[in-house]
C-alpha cells in the first residue's frame, strides 16, 4: 500500500485503530482483486482481524509493515475463500421447505414392505449409499471416504439411485 493519500506513515507503533483506518483502502483493493462482490462486510471483518494479527506480530526489522499487512490480509481472505469453496463442494445446502417437499413427494403412498422390496433391486453399494445418506445422516464427503470414492462420484451415484428408485416405484 502506498501511503500517499495519508499524512501519517503506516507503522506498527501506531495505535491499532489508526492502523486499521489507514489500511481501509488497501483492504478494499484486496477484496476487489479477489473478486469478492457478495458478503463484502464479512470479508472486511476477516481482513480487519488479519490486520490486528499482523499489527500484534509486526517486527520492523523484517521488512515493510505495509507489505506484511497486505500479505496477511490477502492470505486470510484467500484461506476463507478456499474454505468456502471446499464447504460448497462437500455439502449441498437445502432449506427445510425443499426437504419436506422431497420427503412428501418421494415417500408418499409407500409402505415399508413395498420400499423393502424395491430396495432388494438395488446393488449392495447403492443400498449402502442410501442408508449412509438418509438413515445415518452422513455428508457426501463422509460417504466418499467410507466407500473410497470422490465426492462428485457419490453425488452422481445418489442421483442415479434416486432415479432408479422412482422408475421402480412407478413400474409397480
N, C-alpha and C. Protein backbone atom coordinates (compact mmCIF):
# COMPACT_ATOMS: atom_id res chain seq x y z
N UNK A 1 0.84 -1.18 0.00
CA UNK A 1 0.00 0.00 0.00
C UNK A 1 0.88 1.23 0.00
N UNK A 2 0.49 2.14 -0.80
CA UNK A 2 1.20 3.42 -0.75
C UNK A 2 0.44 4.31 0.21
N UNK A 3 1.18 5.07 0.93
CA UNK A 3 0.54 5.95 1.92
C UNK A 3 0.50 7.38 1.42
N UNK A 4 0.40 7.58 0.08
CA UNK A 4 0.34 8.91 -0.49
C UNK A 4 -0.92 9.65 -0.03
N UNK A 5 -2.01 8.90 0.16
CA UNK A 5 -3.29 9.50 0.48
C UNK A 5 -3.35 9.94 1.94
N UNK A 6 -2.43 9.49 2.74
CA UNK A 6 -2.47 9.80 4.16
C UNK A 6 -1.26 10.63 4.54
N UNK A 7 -1.42 11.41 5.55
CA UNK A 7 -0.32 12.25 6.01
C UNK A 7 0.54 11.50 7.01
N UNK A 8 0.00 10.43 7.56
CA UNK A 8 0.70 9.68 8.57
C UNK A 8 1.25 8.40 7.96
N UNK A 9 2.47 8.04 8.29
CA UNK A 9 3.10 6.84 7.77
C UNK A 9 2.63 5.63 8.57
N UNK A 10 2.37 4.53 7.84
CA UNK A 10 1.91 3.30 8.47
C UNK A 10 3.06 2.66 9.23
N UNK A 11 2.82 2.40 10.50
CA UNK A 11 3.86 1.83 11.34
C UNK A 11 3.24 1.01 12.45
N UNK A 12 3.93 -0.06 12.90
CA UNK A 12 3.38 -0.88 13.98
C UNK A 12 3.34 -0.17 15.33
N UNK A 13 4.00 0.99 15.42
CA UNK A 13 3.98 1.74 16.68
C UNK A 13 2.69 2.54 16.84
N UNK A 14 1.95 2.73 15.76
CA UNK A 14 0.69 3.46 15.83
C UNK A 14 -0.34 2.62 16.57
N UNK A 15 -1.33 3.27 17.18
CA UNK A 15 -2.42 2.51 17.80
C UNK A 15 -3.19 1.72 16.72
N UNK A 16 -3.74 0.60 17.12
CA UNK A 16 -4.42 -0.27 16.16
C UNK A 16 -5.54 0.45 15.40
N UNK A 17 -6.32 1.25 16.09
CA UNK A 17 -7.43 1.96 15.44
C UNK A 17 -6.94 2.81 14.27
N UNK A 18 -5.82 3.47 14.45
CA UNK A 18 -5.26 4.30 13.38
C UNK A 18 -4.75 3.44 12.23
N UNK A 19 -4.08 2.36 12.58
CA UNK A 19 -3.58 1.45 11.54
C UNK A 19 -4.75 0.91 10.72
N UNK A 20 -5.79 0.49 11.38
CA UNK A 20 -6.96 -0.06 10.68
C UNK A 20 -7.58 0.99 9.77
N UNK A 21 -7.66 2.20 10.25
CA UNK A 21 -8.22 3.28 9.43
C UNK A 21 -7.34 3.55 8.20
N UNK A 22 -6.04 3.51 8.39
CA UNK A 22 -5.12 3.79 7.28
C UNK A 22 -5.13 2.69 6.21
N UNK A 23 -5.43 1.46 6.59
CA UNK A 23 -5.37 0.36 5.62
C UNK A 23 -6.72 0.05 4.97
N UNK A 24 -7.75 0.83 5.27
CA UNK A 24 -9.06 0.57 4.66
C UNK A 24 -9.02 0.59 3.13
N UNK A 25 -8.34 1.53 2.49
CA UNK A 25 -8.26 1.48 1.02
C UNK A 25 -7.55 0.20 0.53
N UNK A 26 -6.52 -0.23 1.26
CA UNK A 26 -5.82 -1.46 0.90
C UNK A 26 -6.77 -2.65 0.98
N UNK A 27 -7.56 -2.72 2.04
CA UNK A 27 -8.50 -3.83 2.22
C UNK A 27 -9.51 -3.84 1.08
N UNK A 28 -10.04 -2.68 0.74
CA UNK A 28 -10.99 -2.59 -0.38
C UNK A 28 -10.35 -3.08 -1.67
N UNK A 29 -9.13 -2.68 -1.91
CA UNK A 29 -8.41 -3.10 -3.11
C UNK A 29 -8.22 -4.62 -3.14
N UNK A 30 -7.85 -5.21 -2.03
CA UNK A 30 -7.65 -6.66 -1.96
C UNK A 30 -8.97 -7.38 -2.21
N UNK A 31 -10.05 -6.90 -1.61
CA UNK A 31 -11.35 -7.53 -1.80
C UNK A 31 -11.77 -7.50 -3.26
N UNK A 32 -11.51 -6.40 -3.92
CA UNK A 32 -11.86 -6.29 -5.34
C UNK A 32 -10.97 -7.18 -6.21
N UNK A 33 -9.67 -7.25 -5.88
CA UNK A 33 -8.76 -8.12 -6.62
C UNK A 33 -9.12 -9.59 -6.46
N UNK A 34 -9.66 -9.93 -5.30
CA UNK A 34 -10.09 -11.33 -5.04
C UNK A 34 -11.49 -11.57 -5.57
N UNK A 35 -12.06 -10.59 -6.24
CA UNK A 35 -13.39 -10.68 -6.84
C UNK A 35 -14.48 -11.01 -5.82
N UNK A 36 -14.43 -10.33 -4.72
CA UNK A 36 -15.46 -10.52 -3.69
C UNK A 36 -16.51 -9.44 -3.89
N UNK A 37 -17.69 -9.89 -4.28
CA UNK A 37 -18.78 -8.97 -4.55
C UNK A 37 -20.00 -9.24 -3.67
N UNK A 38 -19.97 -10.36 -2.96
CA UNK A 38 -21.05 -10.65 -2.01
C UNK A 38 -20.40 -10.86 -0.64
N UNK A 39 -21.17 -10.75 0.39
CA UNK A 39 -20.67 -10.88 1.76
C UNK A 39 -19.47 -9.97 2.00
N UNK A 40 -19.54 -8.78 1.43
CA UNK A 40 -18.44 -7.83 1.49
C UNK A 40 -18.06 -7.50 2.94
N UNK A 41 -19.06 -7.28 3.79
CA UNK A 41 -18.78 -6.93 5.18
C UNK A 41 -18.14 -8.09 5.94
N UNK A 42 -18.54 -9.31 5.62
CA UNK A 42 -17.94 -10.48 6.26
C UNK A 42 -16.45 -10.55 5.95
N UNK A 43 -16.10 -10.38 4.68
CA UNK A 43 -14.69 -10.44 4.30
C UNK A 43 -13.91 -9.22 4.81
N UNK A 44 -14.58 -8.09 4.92
CA UNK A 44 -13.93 -6.92 5.50
C UNK A 44 -13.60 -7.20 6.97
N UNK A 45 -14.48 -7.92 7.64
CA UNK A 45 -14.24 -8.30 9.03
C UNK A 45 -13.05 -9.27 9.13
N UNK A 46 -12.98 -10.24 8.23
CA UNK A 46 -11.85 -11.18 8.18
C UNK A 46 -10.55 -10.38 7.98
N UNK A 47 -10.61 -9.40 7.08
CA UNK A 47 -9.43 -8.56 6.81
C UNK A 47 -9.04 -7.76 8.05
N UNK A 48 -10.01 -7.24 8.77
CA UNK A 48 -9.71 -6.47 9.99
C UNK A 48 -9.01 -7.34 11.04
N UNK A 49 -9.47 -8.55 11.16
CA UNK A 49 -8.82 -9.48 12.10
C UNK A 49 -7.39 -9.77 11.66
N UNK A 50 -7.19 -9.92 10.35
CA UNK A 50 -5.84 -10.17 9.84
C UNK A 50 -4.94 -8.96 10.09
N UNK A 51 -5.47 -7.75 9.96
CA UNK A 51 -4.70 -6.54 10.24
C UNK A 51 -4.31 -6.53 11.72
N UNK A 52 -5.26 -6.85 12.59
CA UNK A 52 -4.96 -6.87 14.02
C UNK A 52 -3.87 -7.88 14.33
N UNK A 53 -3.97 -9.06 13.73
CA UNK A 53 -2.96 -10.10 13.96
C UNK A 53 -1.59 -9.64 13.45
N UNK A 54 -1.57 -9.03 12.27
CA UNK A 54 -0.30 -8.52 11.72
C UNK A 54 0.26 -7.41 12.60
N UNK A 55 -0.61 -6.53 13.08
CA UNK A 55 -0.18 -5.43 13.94
C UNK A 55 0.45 -5.97 15.22
N UNK A 56 -0.16 -7.02 15.79
CA UNK A 56 0.37 -7.63 17.01
C UNK A 56 1.72 -8.29 16.79
N UNK A 57 1.90 -8.95 15.65
CA UNK A 57 3.10 -9.74 15.40
C UNK A 57 4.18 -8.98 14.62
N UNK A 58 3.94 -7.73 14.30
CA UNK A 58 4.86 -6.97 13.44
C UNK A 58 6.26 -6.88 14.04
N UNK A 59 7.23 -7.04 13.15
CA UNK A 59 8.64 -6.89 13.52
C UNK A 59 9.28 -5.96 12.49
N UNK A 60 9.52 -4.70 12.85
CA UNK A 60 10.06 -3.71 11.89
C UNK A 60 11.38 -4.14 11.25
N UNK A 61 12.13 -5.00 11.90
CA UNK A 61 13.42 -5.41 11.34
C UNK A 61 13.26 -6.40 10.18
N UNK A 62 12.06 -6.92 9.98
CA UNK A 62 11.85 -7.94 8.94
C UNK A 62 11.25 -7.39 7.66
N UNK A 63 11.07 -6.11 7.53
CA UNK A 63 10.55 -5.55 6.29
C UNK A 63 9.49 -4.51 6.54
N UNK A 64 8.89 -4.07 5.42
CA UNK A 64 7.86 -3.03 5.50
C UNK A 64 6.60 -3.55 6.18
N UNK A 65 6.08 -2.74 7.06
CA UNK A 65 4.87 -3.10 7.79
C UNK A 65 3.68 -3.18 6.83
N UNK A 66 3.62 -2.27 5.87
CA UNK A 66 2.51 -2.27 4.93
C UNK A 66 2.51 -3.54 4.08
N UNK A 67 3.68 -4.02 3.69
CA UNK A 67 3.76 -5.26 2.91
C UNK A 67 3.32 -6.45 3.74
N UNK A 68 3.70 -6.44 5.00
CA UNK A 68 3.31 -7.53 5.90
C UNK A 68 1.80 -7.56 6.08
N UNK A 69 1.21 -6.39 6.24
CA UNK A 69 -0.25 -6.32 6.38
C UNK A 69 -0.92 -6.80 5.10
N UNK A 70 -0.43 -6.33 3.96
CA UNK A 70 -1.03 -6.72 2.67
C UNK A 70 -1.00 -8.23 2.51
N UNK A 71 0.13 -8.85 2.77
CA UNK A 71 0.28 -10.30 2.63
C UNK A 71 -0.62 -11.03 3.62
N UNK A 72 -0.68 -10.55 4.84
CA UNK A 72 -1.52 -11.19 5.86
C UNK A 72 -2.99 -11.12 5.50
N UNK A 73 -3.45 -9.96 5.09
CA UNK A 73 -4.86 -9.77 4.75
C UNK A 73 -5.24 -10.62 3.55
N UNK A 74 -4.44 -10.53 2.50
CA UNK A 74 -4.75 -11.30 1.29
C UNK A 74 -4.73 -12.80 1.59
N UNK A 75 -3.77 -13.25 2.37
CA UNK A 75 -3.69 -14.66 2.73
C UNK A 75 -4.91 -15.14 3.48
N UNK A 76 -5.37 -14.35 4.45
CA UNK A 76 -6.55 -14.75 5.23
C UNK A 76 -7.81 -14.77 4.38
N UNK A 77 -7.93 -13.82 3.48
CA UNK A 77 -9.11 -13.79 2.60
C UNK A 77 -9.09 -14.99 1.66
N UNK A 78 -7.93 -15.28 1.08
CA UNK A 78 -7.84 -16.44 0.19
C UNK A 78 -8.10 -17.74 0.95
N UNK A 79 -7.64 -17.81 2.19
CA UNK A 79 -7.89 -19.00 3.01
C UNK A 79 -9.39 -19.17 3.26
N UNK A 80 -10.06 -18.08 3.55
CA UNK A 80 -11.51 -18.13 3.80
C UNK A 80 -12.27 -18.51 2.53
N UNK A 81 -11.85 -17.97 1.38
CA UNK A 81 -12.48 -18.33 0.11
C UNK A 81 -12.29 -19.82 -0.18
N UNK A 82 -11.12 -20.33 0.12
CA UNK A 82 -10.83 -21.75 -0.07
C UNK A 82 -11.72 -22.61 0.81
N UNK A 83 -11.89 -22.23 2.06
CA UNK A 83 -12.76 -22.96 2.99
C UNK A 83 -14.20 -22.96 2.47
N UNK A 84 -14.63 -21.81 1.98
CA UNK A 84 -16.00 -21.69 1.48
C UNK A 84 -16.21 -22.59 0.27
N UNK A 85 -15.24 -22.61 -0.63
CA UNK A 85 -15.33 -23.45 -1.82
C UNK A 85 -15.36 -24.93 -1.44
N UNK A 86 -14.52 -25.32 -0.49
CA UNK A 86 -14.48 -26.70 -0.02
C UNK A 86 -15.82 -27.09 0.61
N UNK A 87 -16.40 -26.21 1.40
CA UNK A 87 -17.69 -26.48 2.02
C UNK A 87 -18.77 -26.66 0.96
N UNK A 88 -18.79 -25.77 -0.04
CA UNK A 88 -19.79 -25.87 -1.10
C UNK A 88 -19.64 -27.17 -1.89
N UNK A 89 -18.40 -27.64 -2.04
CA UNK A 89 -18.15 -28.89 -2.75
C UNK A 89 -18.66 -30.09 -1.96
N UNK A 90 -18.46 -30.08 -0.67
CA UNK A 90 -18.78 -31.24 0.16
C UNK A 90 -20.21 -31.29 0.68
N UNK A 91 -20.90 -30.17 0.71
CA UNK A 91 -22.24 -30.14 1.28
C UNK A 91 -23.21 -29.47 0.33
N UNK A 92 -24.39 -30.00 0.26
CA UNK A 92 -25.45 -29.40 -0.53
C UNK A 92 -26.44 -28.79 0.44
N UNK A 93 -26.56 -27.49 0.40
CA UNK A 93 -27.47 -26.81 1.31
C UNK A 93 -28.88 -26.83 0.74
N UNK A 94 -29.81 -27.28 1.54
CA UNK A 94 -31.20 -27.35 1.13
C UNK A 94 -32.03 -26.80 2.28
N UNK A 95 -32.98 -25.95 1.95
CA UNK A 95 -33.81 -25.40 3.02
C UNK A 95 -34.86 -26.42 3.46
N UNK A 96 -35.45 -26.20 4.61
CA UNK A 96 -36.42 -27.14 5.19
C UNK A 96 -37.63 -27.36 4.28
N UNK A 97 -38.06 -26.32 3.60
CA UNK A 97 -39.23 -26.44 2.74
C UNK A 97 -38.95 -27.43 1.60
N UNK A 98 -37.78 -27.36 1.03
CA UNK A 98 -37.40 -28.28 -0.05
C UNK A 98 -37.30 -29.70 0.48
N UNK A 99 -36.68 -29.87 1.64
CA UNK A 99 -36.54 -31.20 2.23
C UNK A 99 -37.91 -31.82 2.47
N UNK A 100 -38.82 -31.04 3.04
CA UNK A 100 -40.16 -31.56 3.31
C UNK A 100 -40.89 -31.92 2.03
N UNK A 101 -40.74 -31.11 1.00
CA UNK A 101 -41.38 -31.40 -0.29
C UNK A 101 -40.84 -32.71 -0.86
N UNK A 102 -39.52 -32.87 -0.84
CA UNK A 102 -38.90 -34.09 -1.37
C UNK A 102 -39.37 -35.30 -0.58
N UNK A 103 -39.39 -35.19 0.73
CA UNK A 103 -39.85 -36.31 1.55
C UNK A 103 -41.29 -36.69 1.22
N UNK A 104 -42.15 -35.68 1.11
CA UNK A 104 -43.55 -35.95 0.80
C UNK A 104 -43.69 -36.54 -0.59
N UNK A 105 -42.96 -35.98 -1.55
CA UNK A 105 -43.07 -36.45 -2.94
C UNK A 105 -42.51 -37.85 -3.09
N UNK A 106 -41.32 -38.09 -2.55
CA UNK A 106 -40.65 -39.37 -2.75
C UNK A 106 -41.22 -40.48 -1.89
N UNK A 107 -41.78 -40.15 -0.74
CA UNK A 107 -42.21 -41.19 0.18
C UNK A 107 -43.73 -41.28 0.32
N UNK A 108 -44.48 -40.54 -0.45
CA UNK A 108 -45.93 -40.63 -0.33
C UNK A 108 -46.42 -41.97 -0.87
N UNK A 109 -47.39 -42.52 -0.20
CA UNK A 109 -48.01 -43.79 -0.61
C UNK A 109 -47.04 -44.96 -0.71
N UNK A 110 -45.96 -44.94 0.05
CA UNK A 110 -45.01 -46.06 0.03
C UNK A 110 -45.06 -46.71 1.40
N UNK A 111 -45.48 -47.95 1.42
CA UNK A 111 -45.43 -48.63 2.71
C UNK A 111 -44.06 -49.28 2.86
N UNK A 112 -43.63 -49.53 4.09
CA UNK A 112 -42.29 -50.06 4.33
C UNK A 112 -42.01 -51.38 3.62
N UNK A 113 -43.01 -52.24 3.49
CA UNK A 113 -42.81 -53.52 2.83
C UNK A 113 -42.50 -53.32 1.35
N UNK A 114 -43.24 -52.43 0.74
CA UNK A 114 -43.02 -52.13 -0.68
C UNK A 114 -41.62 -51.53 -0.88
N UNK A 115 -41.23 -50.62 0.01
CA UNK A 115 -39.92 -49.99 -0.07
C UNK A 115 -38.81 -51.04 0.09
N UNK A 116 -39.01 -51.95 1.03
CA UNK A 116 -38.02 -53.00 1.25
C UNK A 116 -37.89 -53.89 0.01
N UNK A 117 -39.00 -54.18 -0.62
CA UNK A 117 -38.99 -54.99 -1.84
C UNK A 117 -38.24 -54.27 -2.96
N UNK A 118 -38.50 -52.99 -3.08
CA UNK A 118 -37.83 -52.21 -4.13
C UNK A 118 -36.33 -52.10 -3.84
N UNK A 119 -35.97 -51.94 -2.58
CA UNK A 119 -34.56 -51.84 -2.20
C UNK A 119 -33.79 -53.10 -2.58
N UNK A 120 -34.49 -54.25 -2.63
CA UNK A 120 -33.82 -55.50 -2.99
C UNK A 120 -33.33 -55.49 -4.44
N UNK A 121 -33.91 -54.60 -5.27
CA UNK A 121 -33.47 -54.48 -6.66
C UNK A 121 -32.17 -53.68 -6.79
N UNK A 122 -31.80 -53.01 -5.73
CA UNK A 122 -30.58 -52.19 -5.76
C UNK A 122 -29.36 -53.04 -5.44
N UNK A 123 -28.22 -52.61 -5.97
CA UNK A 123 -26.95 -53.27 -5.64
C UNK A 123 -26.58 -52.94 -4.20
N UNK A 124 -25.67 -53.74 -3.65
CA UNK A 124 -25.26 -53.56 -2.26
C UNK A 124 -24.69 -52.16 -2.02
N UNK A 125 -23.84 -51.69 -2.93
CA UNK A 125 -23.24 -50.36 -2.77
C UNK A 125 -24.31 -49.27 -2.85
N UNK A 126 -25.30 -49.44 -3.73
CA UNK A 126 -26.37 -48.45 -3.85
C UNK A 126 -27.17 -48.37 -2.55
N UNK A 127 -27.48 -49.51 -1.98
CA UNK A 127 -28.21 -49.52 -0.70
C UNK A 127 -27.37 -48.86 0.38
N UNK A 128 -26.07 -49.13 0.37
CA UNK A 128 -25.19 -48.55 1.39
C UNK A 128 -25.16 -47.03 1.29
N UNK A 129 -25.09 -46.51 0.07
CA UNK A 129 -25.08 -45.06 -0.13
C UNK A 129 -26.38 -44.46 0.42
N UNK A 130 -27.51 -45.06 0.09
CA UNK A 130 -28.79 -44.54 0.58
C UNK A 130 -28.88 -44.60 2.10
N UNK A 131 -28.46 -45.72 2.67
CA UNK A 131 -28.52 -45.85 4.13
C UNK A 131 -27.61 -44.85 4.84
N UNK A 132 -26.40 -44.70 4.30
CA UNK A 132 -25.47 -43.75 4.92
C UNK A 132 -26.00 -42.33 4.82
N UNK A 133 -26.58 -41.99 3.66
CA UNK A 133 -27.04 -40.62 3.43
C UNK A 133 -28.32 -40.32 4.18
N UNK A 134 -29.34 -41.17 4.02
CA UNK A 134 -30.66 -40.85 4.58
C UNK A 134 -30.86 -41.35 6.01
N UNK A 135 -30.31 -42.49 6.35
CA UNK A 135 -30.55 -43.04 7.68
C UNK A 135 -29.49 -42.56 8.67
N UNK A 136 -28.22 -42.71 8.29
CA UNK A 136 -27.13 -42.34 9.19
C UNK A 136 -26.83 -40.84 9.17
N UNK A 137 -27.27 -40.15 8.11
CA UNK A 137 -27.06 -38.70 8.04
C UNK A 137 -25.64 -38.29 7.66
N UNK A 138 -24.91 -39.18 6.97
CA UNK A 138 -23.55 -38.86 6.55
C UNK A 138 -23.57 -37.77 5.48
N UNK A 139 -22.51 -36.98 5.43
CA UNK A 139 -22.35 -35.99 4.37
C UNK A 139 -21.75 -36.68 3.15
N UNK A 140 -21.75 -35.99 2.03
CA UNK A 140 -21.16 -36.56 0.82
C UNK A 140 -19.69 -36.92 1.03
N UNK A 141 -18.96 -36.04 1.71
CA UNK A 141 -17.52 -36.30 1.91
C UNK A 141 -17.30 -37.50 2.82
N UNK A 142 -18.16 -37.67 3.82
CA UNK A 142 -18.02 -38.83 4.71
C UNK A 142 -18.33 -40.13 3.97
N UNK A 143 -19.34 -40.10 3.12
CA UNK A 143 -19.67 -41.30 2.33
C UNK A 143 -18.54 -41.60 1.36
N UNK A 144 -17.99 -40.55 0.74
CA UNK A 144 -16.89 -40.74 -0.21
C UNK A 144 -15.70 -41.39 0.49
N UNK A 145 -15.39 -40.93 1.67
CA UNK A 145 -14.27 -41.50 2.43
C UNK A 145 -14.56 -42.96 2.80
N UNK A 146 -15.78 -43.23 3.22
CA UNK A 146 -16.18 -44.58 3.62
C UNK A 146 -16.09 -45.58 2.46
N UNK A 147 -16.48 -45.12 1.26
CA UNK A 147 -16.52 -46.02 0.10
C UNK A 147 -15.29 -45.91 -0.80
N UNK A 148 -14.40 -44.98 -0.50
CA UNK A 148 -13.21 -44.81 -1.32
C UNK A 148 -13.52 -44.20 -2.68
N UNK A 149 -14.46 -43.26 -2.71
CA UNK A 149 -14.87 -42.59 -3.95
C UNK A 149 -14.64 -41.09 -3.82
N UNK A 150 -14.79 -40.39 -4.93
CA UNK A 150 -14.73 -38.94 -4.86
C UNK A 150 -16.11 -38.42 -4.45
N UNK A 151 -16.16 -37.19 -3.97
CA UNK A 151 -17.42 -36.58 -3.56
C UNK A 151 -18.36 -36.47 -4.75
N UNK A 152 -17.82 -36.07 -5.91
CA UNK A 152 -18.66 -35.96 -7.10
C UNK A 152 -19.24 -37.30 -7.50
N UNK A 153 -18.47 -38.36 -7.37
CA UNK A 153 -18.96 -39.70 -7.71
C UNK A 153 -20.12 -40.09 -6.80
N UNK A 154 -20.02 -39.78 -5.52
CA UNK A 154 -21.10 -40.10 -4.58
C UNK A 154 -22.36 -39.32 -4.94
N UNK A 155 -22.21 -38.03 -5.25
CA UNK A 155 -23.37 -37.21 -5.62
C UNK A 155 -24.05 -37.78 -6.86
N UNK A 156 -23.26 -38.13 -7.88
CA UNK A 156 -23.83 -38.66 -9.11
C UNK A 156 -24.51 -39.99 -8.87
N UNK A 157 -23.89 -40.84 -8.08
CA UNK A 157 -24.49 -42.15 -7.80
C UNK A 157 -25.79 -42.02 -7.03
N UNK A 158 -25.82 -41.11 -6.05
CA UNK A 158 -27.06 -40.93 -5.30
C UNK A 158 -28.17 -40.45 -6.22
N UNK A 159 -27.84 -39.54 -7.12
CA UNK A 159 -28.84 -39.05 -8.08
C UNK A 159 -29.34 -40.19 -8.95
N UNK A 160 -28.43 -41.01 -9.47
CA UNK A 160 -28.83 -42.15 -10.31
C UNK A 160 -29.68 -43.15 -9.53
N UNK A 161 -29.32 -43.37 -8.28
CA UNK A 161 -30.08 -44.31 -7.44
C UNK A 161 -31.51 -43.80 -7.24
N UNK A 162 -31.65 -42.50 -6.98
CA UNK A 162 -32.98 -41.93 -6.78
C UNK A 162 -33.81 -42.04 -8.06
N UNK A 163 -33.20 -41.84 -9.21
CA UNK A 163 -33.91 -42.00 -10.49
C UNK A 163 -34.35 -43.45 -10.64
N UNK A 164 -33.45 -44.36 -10.33
CA UNK A 164 -33.75 -45.79 -10.41
C UNK A 164 -34.91 -46.16 -9.49
N UNK A 165 -34.89 -45.63 -8.26
CA UNK A 165 -35.98 -45.90 -7.32
C UNK A 165 -37.31 -45.37 -7.83
N UNK A 166 -37.30 -44.17 -8.38
CA UNK A 166 -38.54 -43.60 -8.93
C UNK A 166 -39.09 -44.46 -10.05
N UNK A 167 -38.18 -44.96 -10.93
CA UNK A 167 -38.61 -45.82 -12.02
C UNK A 167 -39.19 -47.13 -11.49
N UNK A 168 -38.53 -47.69 -10.48
CA UNK A 168 -39.04 -48.93 -9.89
C UNK A 168 -40.40 -48.71 -9.22
N UNK A 169 -40.56 -47.59 -8.55
CA UNK A 169 -41.82 -47.29 -7.90
C UNK A 169 -42.96 -47.08 -8.91
N UNK A 170 -42.63 -46.41 -9.99
CA UNK A 170 -43.68 -46.13 -10.98
C UNK A 170 -44.03 -47.37 -11.81
N UNK A 171 -43.09 -48.31 -11.92
CA UNK A 171 -43.35 -49.52 -12.71
C UNK A 171 -44.21 -50.52 -11.95
N UNK A 172 -44.25 -50.44 -10.62
CA UNK A 172 -45.05 -51.40 -9.83
C UNK A 172 -46.47 -50.97 -9.71
